[in-house]
Amino acid sequence: MNENLPIAYISALLAILVFAAIYILREVIKTRKQESTFSRLQDKLKQEKGTAEEYYELGSLYLDKKLFVQSITLLQKALKVDKQLPAENQALIHNAMGYAYFAQEQYDIAIRQYKEALKLYPEYVIAFNNLGNVYEKKQMITKAVETYKEALKYEPENKTANLRVKSLEKRLIPSQSK
């Protein structure tokens, strides 16, 4: 039994190293792909006018890099380039801008962007969740609960909205003293 113990330890260590190597390799490939797309889009959009999709994609990459001001500029260009974008696509762009404003703690502008997204695409559950989150940050608990409940009308199994409603409703119910 004692003779097999070192082999078991080495096998476990080897398995951990293999999983770590695979994870790191996947992350490197993902990052290289993102950086390649980022570079390609930057170069193209410096030289010529792009499509709404290209501006949105580059703006989203800037969001990932937490470069919010640059992201907002590109997302605004995406809306201006193609006035005939489907409402759902416009809603995605407004939601992304809302996220960028939220990340900069410009909550009122974020709220406007999320509401615009919902006006364009009323079933957009992610925008409801994001809007509820902004209301929470602004300590507008009643509005946050209403917003999360609206999300649940479209997606009853939405984990985020369900958790937030349960948590926030506890704060709304006054504690009963004995």
Protein backbone atom coordinates (compact mmCIF):
# COMPACT_ATOMS: atom_id res chain seq x y z
CA MET A 1 0.00 0.00 0.00
CA ASN A 2 2.76 2.45 0.96
CA GLU A 3 4.61 1.63 -2.26
CA ASN A 4 1.70 2.93 -4.37
CA LEU A 5 1.32 6.21 -2.46
CA PRO A 6 4.07 8.12 -4.34
CA ILE A 7 2.65 6.94 -7.65
CA ALA A 8 -0.81 8.16 -6.63
CA TYR A 9 0.57 11.57 -5.63
CA ILE A 10 2.55 11.91 -8.85
CA SER A 11 -0.48 10.83 -10.90
CA ALA A 12 -2.70 13.40 -9.15
CA LEU A 13 -0.08 16.11 -9.65
CA LEU A 14 0.28 15.17 -13.30
CA ALA A 15 -3.50 15.30 -13.79
CA ILE A 16 -3.65 18.76 -12.19
CA LEU A 17 -0.81 19.98 -14.41
CA VAL A 18 -2.48 18.61 -17.55
CA PHE A 19 -5.78 20.36 -16.69
CA ALA A 20 -3.93 23.60 -15.92
CA ALA A 21 -2.01 23.41 -19.20
CA ILE A 22 -5.21 22.81 -21.19
CA TYR A 23 -6.94 25.73 -19.44
CA ILE A 24 -4.00 28.07 -20.04
CA LEU A 25 -3.72 27.00 -23.68
CA ARG A 26 -7.45 27.68 -24.26
CA GLU A 27 -7.13 31.12 -22.66
CA VAL A 28 -4.07 31.97 -24.78
CA ILE A 29 -5.87 30.93 -27.97
CA LYS A 30 -8.97 32.91 -26.99
CA THR A 31 -6.92 36.00 -26.16
CA ARG A 32 -4.91 35.78 -29.39
CA LYS A 33 -8.12 35.48 -31.40
CA GLN A 34 -9.59 38.53 -29.63
CA GLU A 35 -6.42 40.55 -30.13
CA SER A 36 -6.28 39.58 -33.79
CA THR A 37 -9.90 40.68 -34.30
CA PHE A 38 -9.23 43.84 -32.31
CA SER A 39 -6.19 44.75 -34.42
CA ARG A 40 -7.91 43.90 -37.72
CA LEU A 41 -10.98 45.99 -36.90
CA GLN A 42 -8.93 48.93 -35.63
CA ASP A 43 -6.85 48.99 -38.80
CA LYS A 44 -9.86 48.67 -41.08
CA LEU A 45 -11.91 51.37 -39.32
CA LYS A 46 -8.99 53.79 -39.37
CA GLN A 47 -8.77 53.49 -43.15
CA GLU A 48 -12.42 53.28 -44.16
CA LYS A 49 -15.96 53.53 -42.92
CA GLY A 50 -17.16 50.25 -41.42
CA THR A 51 -20.47 48.53 -40.91
CA ALA A 52 -22.60 48.80 -37.81
CA GLU A 53 -21.62 45.24 -36.96
CA GLU A 54 -17.89 46.07 -37.14
CA TYR A 55 -18.28 49.15 -34.93
CA TYR A 56 -20.34 47.11 -32.47
CA GLU A 57 -17.79 44.30 -32.41
CA LEU A 58 -14.88 46.66 -31.83
CA GLY A 59 -16.89 48.57 -29.22
CA SER A 60 -17.57 45.30 -27.42
CA LEU A 61 -13.87 44.46 -27.44
CA TYR A 62 -13.15 47.86 -25.90
CA LEU A 63 -15.78 47.05 -23.24
CA ASP A 64 -13.93 43.82 -22.47
CA LYS A 65 -10.76 45.84 -22.04
CA LYS A 66 -12.63 48.30 -19.76
CA LEU A 67 -11.95 51.19 -22.18
CA PHE A 68 -15.44 52.59 -21.75
CA VAL A 69 -15.11 56.02 -23.39
CA GLN A 70 -13.69 54.53 -26.60
CA SER A 71 -16.36 51.84 -26.51
CA ILE A 72 -19.19 54.38 -26.27
CA THR A 73 -17.80 56.33 -29.23
CA LEU A 74 -17.71 53.21 -31.39
CA LEU A 75 -21.16 52.07 -30.29
CA GLN A 76 -22.59 55.48 -31.15
CA LYS A 77 -20.98 55.20 -34.59
CA ALA A 78 -22.62 51.79 -35.02
CA LEU A 79 -26.03 53.42 -34.54
CA LYS A 80 -25.23 56.29 -36.91
CA VAL A 81 -23.73 54.20 -39.72
CA ASP A 82 -26.84 52.16 -40.38
CA LYS A 83 -30.15 53.89 -39.71
CA GLN A 84 -31.98 50.77 -40.94
CA LEU A 85 -30.62 48.41 -38.28
CA PRO A 86 -33.23 45.99 -36.95
CA ALA A 87 -34.68 47.07 -33.60
CA GLU A 88 -33.12 44.07 -31.83
CA ASN A 89 -29.65 45.05 -33.02
CA GLN A 90 -30.18 48.66 -31.96
CA ALA A 91 -31.29 47.37 -28.55
CA LEU A 92 -28.05 45.37 -28.21
CA ILE A 93 -26.04 48.50 -28.92
CA HIS A 94 -28.01 50.61 -26.41
CA ASN A 95 -27.61 47.87 -23.80
CA ALA A 96 -23.83 47.83 -24.38
CA MET A 97 -23.70 51.62 -24.05
CA GLY A 98 -25.73 51.36 -20.85
CA TYR A 99 -23.18 48.93 -19.50
CA ALA A 100 -20.32 51.28 -20.39
CA TYR A 101 -22.04 54.21 -18.66
CA PHE A 102 -22.87 52.04 -15.66
CA ALA A 103 -19.22 50.99 -15.36
CA GLN A 104 -18.30 54.68 -15.24
CA GLU A 105 -20.94 55.26 -12.53
CA GLN A 106 -22.98 57.47 -14.85
CA TYR A 107 -26.16 55.80 -13.69
CA ASP A 108 -28.73 58.22 -15.10
CA ILE A 109 -27.29 57.92 -18.61
CA ALA A 110 -27.11 54.14 -18.19
CA ILE A 111 -30.80 54.10 -17.24
CA ARG A 112 -31.66 56.07 -20.40
CA GLN A 113 -29.71 53.62 -22.54
CA TYR A 114 -31.34 50.56 -20.97
CA LYS A 115 -34.80 52.10 -21.33
CA GLU A 116 -34.07 52.86 -24.99
CA ALA A 117 -33.03 49.23 -25.49
CA LEU A 118 -36.30 48.09 -23.91
CA LYS A 119 -38.32 50.50 -26.01
CA LEU A 120 -36.78 48.96 -29.13
CA TYR A 121 -36.99 45.36 -27.90
CA PRO A 122 -39.47 45.01 -25.01
CA GLU A 123 -38.62 41.34 -24.31
CA TYR A 124 -34.90 42.03 -23.80
CA VAL A 125 -34.39 40.29 -20.45
CA ILE A 126 -30.70 41.20 -20.11
CA ALA A 127 -31.58 44.90 -20.40
CA PHE A 128 -34.21 44.43 -17.66
CA ASN A 129 -31.59 42.79 -15.43
CA ASN A 130 -29.12 45.59 -16.14
CA LEU A 131 -31.73 48.27 -15.49
CA GLY A 132 -32.68 46.59 -12.21
CA ASN A 133 -29.01 46.57 -11.25
CA VAL A 134 -28.70 50.32 -11.86
CA TYR A 135 -31.80 50.97 -9.77
CA GLU A 136 -30.21 48.93 -6.98
CA LYS A 137 -27.03 51.00 -7.18
CA LYS A 138 -29.13 54.15 -6.92
CA GLN A 139 -30.95 52.66 -3.90
CA MET A 140 -34.25 52.70 -5.82
CA ILE A 141 -35.22 49.32 -4.41
CA THR A 142 -38.92 49.39 -5.34
CA LYS A 143 -38.12 50.22 -8.97
CA ALA A 144 -35.42 47.54 -9.01
CA VAL A 145 -37.89 44.89 -7.80
CA GLU A 146 -40.48 46.00 -10.38
CA THR A 147 -37.87 45.82 -13.14
CA TYR A 148 -36.66 42.36 -12.16
CA LYS A 149 -40.27 41.16 -11.99
CA GLU A 150 -40.79 42.51 -15.50
CA ALA A 151 -37.84 40.38 -16.63
CA LEU A 152 -39.47 37.35 -15.02
CA LYS A 153 -42.61 37.87 -17.12
CA TYR A 154 -40.53 37.11 -20.21
CA GLU A 155 -38.19 34.56 -18.66
CA PRO A 156 -39.63 33.00 -15.46
CA GLU A 157 -36.51 30.88 -14.87
CA ASN A 158 -34.12 33.88 -14.98
CA LYS A 159 -31.73 33.16 -12.10
CA THR A 160 -30.48 36.72 -11.73
CA ALA A 161 -33.93 38.26 -11.56
CA ASN A 162 -35.25 35.56 -9.21
CA LEU A 163 -32.34 35.95 -6.79
CA ARG A 164 -32.49 39.75 -6.84
CA VAL A 165 -36.27 39.86 -6.29
CA LYS A 166 -36.01 37.53 -3.28
CA SER A 167 -33.12 39.48 -1.81
CA LEU A 168 -34.60 42.94 -2.41
CA GLU A 169 -38.08 42.07 -1.21
CA LYS A 170 -36.57 41.18 2.18
CA ARG A 171 -35.28 44.75 2.36
CA LEU A 172 -38.71 46.16 1.46
CA ILE A 173 -40.68 44.25 4.08
CA PRO A 174 -40.34 46.06 7.39
CA SER A 175 -39.08 43.76 10.09
CA GLN A 176 -41.77 42.83 12.57
CA SER A 177 -40.78 43.49 16.14
CA LYS A 178 -42.15 41.38 18.98
